[in-house]
């Protein structure tokens, strides 16, 4: 689907934006799209991007899934019930949209290996 959408900025100026460009520009508080092959984590709002990042780091270190309270601490938040509930809510939403796998009510892991951002530098493994 490569349809173009035209947004009017003023009477004489227009800007064409492809659907793909719209998907890669996250907005804080935006909806979490369902995961699909090739979709980079950068389509998620920044707060949501951090959770798969924490889990990916854990996986690449050869460790297993994390509990929500552990994710909360890894995000640099206090392990209070309010902070943990915010992380739990985001993690559930990510699991519902298949960005994460919820193994038990508290244990989460990444669904698939991370897809780097389109402009990301190659890793040492490449």
C-alpha atoms as a PDB file:
ATOM      1  CA  UNK A   1       0.000   0.000   0.000  1.00  0.00           C
ATOM      2  CA  UNK A   2       1.936   3.022  -1.208  1.00  0.00           C
ATOM      3  CA  UNK A   3      -0.780   5.640  -1.380  1.00  0.00           C
ATOM      4  CA  UNK A   4       0.255   9.197  -0.751  1.00  0.00           C
ATOM      5  CA  UNK A   5      -1.497  11.451   1.674  1.00  0.00           C
ATOM      6  CA  UNK A   6      -1.273  15.180   1.150  1.00  0.00           C
ATOM      7  CA  UNK A   7      -1.278  17.466   4.151  1.00  0.00           C
ATOM      8  CA  UNK A   8      -1.928  21.170   3.591  1.00  0.00           C
ATOM      9  CA  UNK A   9       0.368  23.461   5.538  1.00  0.00           C
ATOM     10  CA  UNK A  10      -0.775  26.696   3.970  1.00  0.00           C
ATOM     11  CA  UNK A  11      -2.510  28.095   0.928  1.00  0.00           C
ATOM     12  CA  UNK A  12       0.477  27.610  -1.387  1.00  0.00           C
ATOM     13  CA  UNK A  13       2.508  24.876   0.355  1.00  0.00           C
ATOM     14  CA  UNK A  14       1.754  21.146   0.566  1.00  0.00           C
ATOM     15  CA  UNK A  15       3.781  18.213   1.828  1.00  0.00           C
ATOM     16  CA  UNK A  16       3.378  14.632   0.651  1.00  0.00           C
ATOM     17  CA  UNK A  17       3.788  11.952   3.324  1.00  0.00           C
ATOM     18  CA  UNK A  18       3.757   8.224   2.645  1.00  0.00           C
ATOM     19  CA  UNK A  19       1.965   5.855   4.996  1.00  0.00           C
ATOM     20  CA  UNK A  20       5.311   4.271   5.937  1.00  0.00           C
ATOM     21  CA  UNK A  21       6.659   7.634   7.070  1.00  0.00           C
ATOM     22  CA  UNK A  22       3.578   8.174   9.211  1.00  0.00           C
ATOM     23  CA  UNK A  23       4.094   4.806  10.928  1.00  0.00           C
ATOM     24  CA  UNK A  24       7.699   5.599  11.888  1.00  0.00           C
ATOM     25  CA  UNK A  25       6.903   8.867  13.636  1.00  0.00           C
ATOM     26  CA  UNK A  26       5.680   7.942  17.129  1.00  0.00           C
ATOM     27  CA  UNK A  27       3.781  10.439  19.182  1.00  0.00           C
ATOM     28  CA  UNK A  28       3.864  10.272  23.000  1.00  0.00           C
ATOM     29  CA  UNK A  29       0.606   8.706  24.145  1.00  0.00           C
ATOM     30  CA  UNK A  30      -0.061   7.248  20.701  1.00  0.00           C
ATOM     31  CA  UNK A  31      -1.697   3.897  20.046  1.00  0.00           C
ATOM     32  CA  UNK A  32       0.498   0.769  20.053  1.00  0.00           C
ATOM     33  CA  UNK A  33       0.235  -0.811  16.601  1.00  0.00           C
ATOM     34  CA  UNK A  34       0.138  -4.611  16.255  1.00  0.00           C
ATOM     35  CA  UNK A  35       3.586  -6.088  15.641  1.00  0.00           C
ATOM     36  CA  UNK A  36       4.320  -7.363  12.147  1.00  0.00           C
ATOM     37  CA  UNK A  37       7.451  -8.585  10.386  1.00  0.00           C
ATOM     38  CA  UNK A  38       9.908  -5.780   9.644  1.00  0.00           C
ATOM     39  CA  UNK A  39       8.163  -3.180  11.832  1.00  0.00           C
ATOM     40  CA  UNK A  40      10.854  -1.380  13.880  1.00  0.00           C
ATOM     41  CA  UNK A  41      10.404  -0.569  17.554  1.00  0.00           C
ATOM     42  CA  UNK A  42      10.732   3.111  16.630  1.00  0.00           C
ATOM     43  CA  UNK A  43       7.029   3.166  15.644  1.00  0.00           C
ATOM     44  CA  UNK A  44       6.235   2.971  19.354  1.00  0.00           C
ATOM     45  CA  UNK A  45       6.042   5.996  21.625  1.00  0.00           C
ATOM     46  CA  UNK A  46       9.307   6.499  23.587  1.00  0.00           C
ATOM     47  CA  UNK A  47       7.915   5.109  26.863  1.00  0.00           C
ATOM     48  CA  UNK A  48       6.863   1.939  25.052  1.00  0.00           C
ATOM     49  CA  UNK A  49      10.180   1.591  23.179  1.00  0.00           C
ATOM     50  CA  UNK A  50      12.079   1.342  26.448  1.00  0.00           C
ATOM     51  CA  UNK A  51      10.329  -1.847  27.645  1.00  0.00           C
ATOM     52  CA  UNK A  52      11.302  -4.103  24.691  1.00  0.00           C
ATOM     53  CA  UNK A  53      14.768  -2.512  24.884  1.00  0.00           C
ATOM     54  CA  UNK A  54      15.197  -3.656  28.490  1.00  0.00           C
ATOM     55  CA  UNK A  55      13.993  -7.155  27.613  1.00  0.00           C
ATOM     56  CA  UNK A  56      16.215  -7.332  24.506  1.00  0.00           C
ATOM     57  CA  UNK A  57      19.263  -6.402  26.606  1.00  0.00           C
ATOM     58  CA  UNK A  58      18.377  -9.148  29.051  1.00  0.00           C
ATOM     59  CA  UNK A  59      17.981 -11.687  26.226  1.00  0.00           C
ATOM     60  CA  UNK A  60      21.280 -10.724  24.575  1.00  0.00           C
ATOM     61  CA  UNK A  61      22.998 -11.190  27.957  1.00  0.00           C
ATOM     62  CA  UNK A  62      21.769 -14.792  27.938  1.00  0.00           C
ATOM     63  CA  UNK A  63      19.196 -14.257  30.691  1.00  0.00           C
ATOM     64  CA  UNK A  64      15.533 -15.158  30.762  1.00  0.00           C
ATOM     65  CA  UNK A  65      12.309 -13.194  31.072  1.00  0.00           C
ATOM     66  CA  UNK A  66      11.771 -10.380  33.567  1.00  0.00           C
ATOM     67  CA  UNK A  67       9.104  -9.629  36.133  1.00  0.00           C
ATOM     68  CA  UNK A  68       7.288  -6.308  35.818  1.00  0.00           C
ATOM     69  CA  UNK A  69       8.912  -4.969  38.998  1.00  0.00           C
ATOM     70  CA  UNK A  70      12.346  -5.824  37.553  1.00  0.00           C
ATOM     71  CA  UNK A  71      11.433  -3.994  34.339  1.00  0.00           C
ATOM     72  CA  UNK A  72      10.325  -1.021  36.443  1.00  0.00           C
ATOM     73  CA  UNK A  73      13.725  -0.878  38.189  1.00  0.00           C
ATOM     74  CA  UNK A  74      15.615  -1.361  34.879  1.00  0.00           C
ATOM     75  CA  UNK A  75      13.682   1.613  33.475  1.00  0.00           C
ATOM     76  CA  UNK A  76      15.097   3.714  36.316  1.00  0.00           C
ATOM     77  CA  UNK A  77      11.761   4.016  38.114  1.00  0.00           C
ATOM     78  CA  UNK A  78      11.061   3.339  41.771  1.00  0.00           C
ATOM     79  CA  UNK A  79       9.571  -0.080  42.496  1.00  0.00           C
ATOM     80  CA  UNK A  80       6.470   1.465  44.068  1.00  0.00           C
ATOM     81  CA  UNK A  81       3.118  -0.059  43.240  1.00  0.00           C
ATOM     82  CA  UNK A  82       2.096   3.033  41.225  1.00  0.00           C
ATOM     83  CA  UNK A  83       5.266   2.975  39.103  1.00  0.00           C
ATOM     84  CA  UNK A  84       5.054  -0.810  38.638  1.00  0.00           C
ATOM     85  CA  UNK A  85       1.393  -0.569  37.622  1.00  0.00           C
ATOM     86  CA  UNK A  86       2.267   1.958  34.906  1.00  0.00           C
ATOM     87  CA  UNK A  87       4.969  -0.362  33.551  1.00  0.00           C
ATOM     88  CA  UNK A  88       2.591  -3.352  33.862  1.00  0.00           C
ATOM     89  CA  UNK A  89      -0.085  -1.532  31.870  1.00  0.00           C
ATOM     90  CA  UNK A  90       2.345  -0.662  29.078  1.00  0.00           C
ATOM     91  CA  UNK A  91       3.831  -4.168  29.060  1.00  0.00           C
ATOM     92  CA  UNK A  92       0.357  -5.762  28.827  1.00  0.00           C
ATOM     93  CA  UNK A  93      -0.537  -3.501  25.932  1.00  0.00           C
ATOM     94  CA  UNK A  94       2.713  -4.513  24.185  1.00  0.00           C
ATOM     95  CA  UNK A  95       1.952  -8.198  24.856  1.00  0.00           C
ATOM     96  CA  UNK A  96      -1.623  -7.805  23.566  1.00  0.00           C
ATOM     97  CA  UNK A  97      -0.189  -6.389  20.327  1.00  0.00           C
ATOM     98  CA  UNK A  98       2.469  -9.186  20.140  1.00  0.00           C
ATOM     99  CA  UNK A  99       5.524  -6.993  20.792  1.00  0.00           C
ATOM    100  CA  UNK A 100       6.171  -9.088  23.950  1.00  0.00           C
ATOM    101  CA  UNK A 101       5.277 -12.541  25.207  1.00  0.00           C
ATOM    102  CA  UNK A 102       3.667 -12.706  28.623  1.00  0.00           C
ATOM    103  CA  UNK A 103       4.770 -16.111  29.946  1.00  0.00           C
ATOM    104  CA  UNK A 104       2.941 -15.776  33.260  1.00  0.00           C
ATOM    105  CA  UNK A 105       0.982 -12.948  34.822  1.00  0.00           C
ATOM    106  CA  UNK A 106       4.295 -11.337  35.828  1.00  0.00           C
ATOM    107  CA  UNK A 107       6.985 -12.718  33.471  1.00  0.00           C
ATOM    108  CA  UNK A 108       7.661 -11.071  30.100  1.00  0.00           C
ATOM    109  CA  UNK A 109      10.114 -11.617  27.270  1.00  0.00           C
ATOM    110  CA  UNK A 110      10.538 -10.197  23.761  1.00  0.00           C
ATOM    111  CA  UNK A 111       8.452 -11.843  21.040  1.00  0.00           C
ATOM    112  CA  UNK A 112      11.123 -11.892  18.378  1.00  0.00           C
ATOM    113  CA  UNK A 113      14.647 -10.591  17.899  1.00  0.00           C
ATOM    114  CA  UNK A 114      14.629  -6.786  17.700  1.00  0.00           C
ATOM    115  CA  UNK A 115      14.421  -5.081  14.315  1.00  0.00           C
ATOM    116  CA  UNK A 116      16.893  -2.199  14.202  1.00  0.00           C
ATOM    117  CA  UNK A 117      15.732   1.255  13.261  1.00  0.00           C
ATOM    118  CA  UNK A 118      16.103   1.919   9.507  1.00  0.00           C
ATOM    119  CA  UNK A 119      18.938   4.409  10.074  1.00  0.00           C
ATOM    120  CA  UNK A 120      20.675   2.443  12.856  1.00  0.00           C
ATOM    121  CA  UNK A 121      24.364   1.701  12.512  1.00  0.00           C
ATOM    122  CA  UNK A 122      25.261  -1.951  11.845  1.00  0.00           C
ATOM    123  CA  UNK A 123      26.114  -4.022  14.892  1.00  0.00           C
ATOM    124  CA  UNK A 124      29.400  -5.852  15.466  1.00  0.00           C
ATOM    125  CA  UNK A 125      27.672  -9.084  14.377  1.00  0.00           C
ATOM    126  CA  UNK A 126      26.862  -7.747  10.873  1.00  0.00           C
END
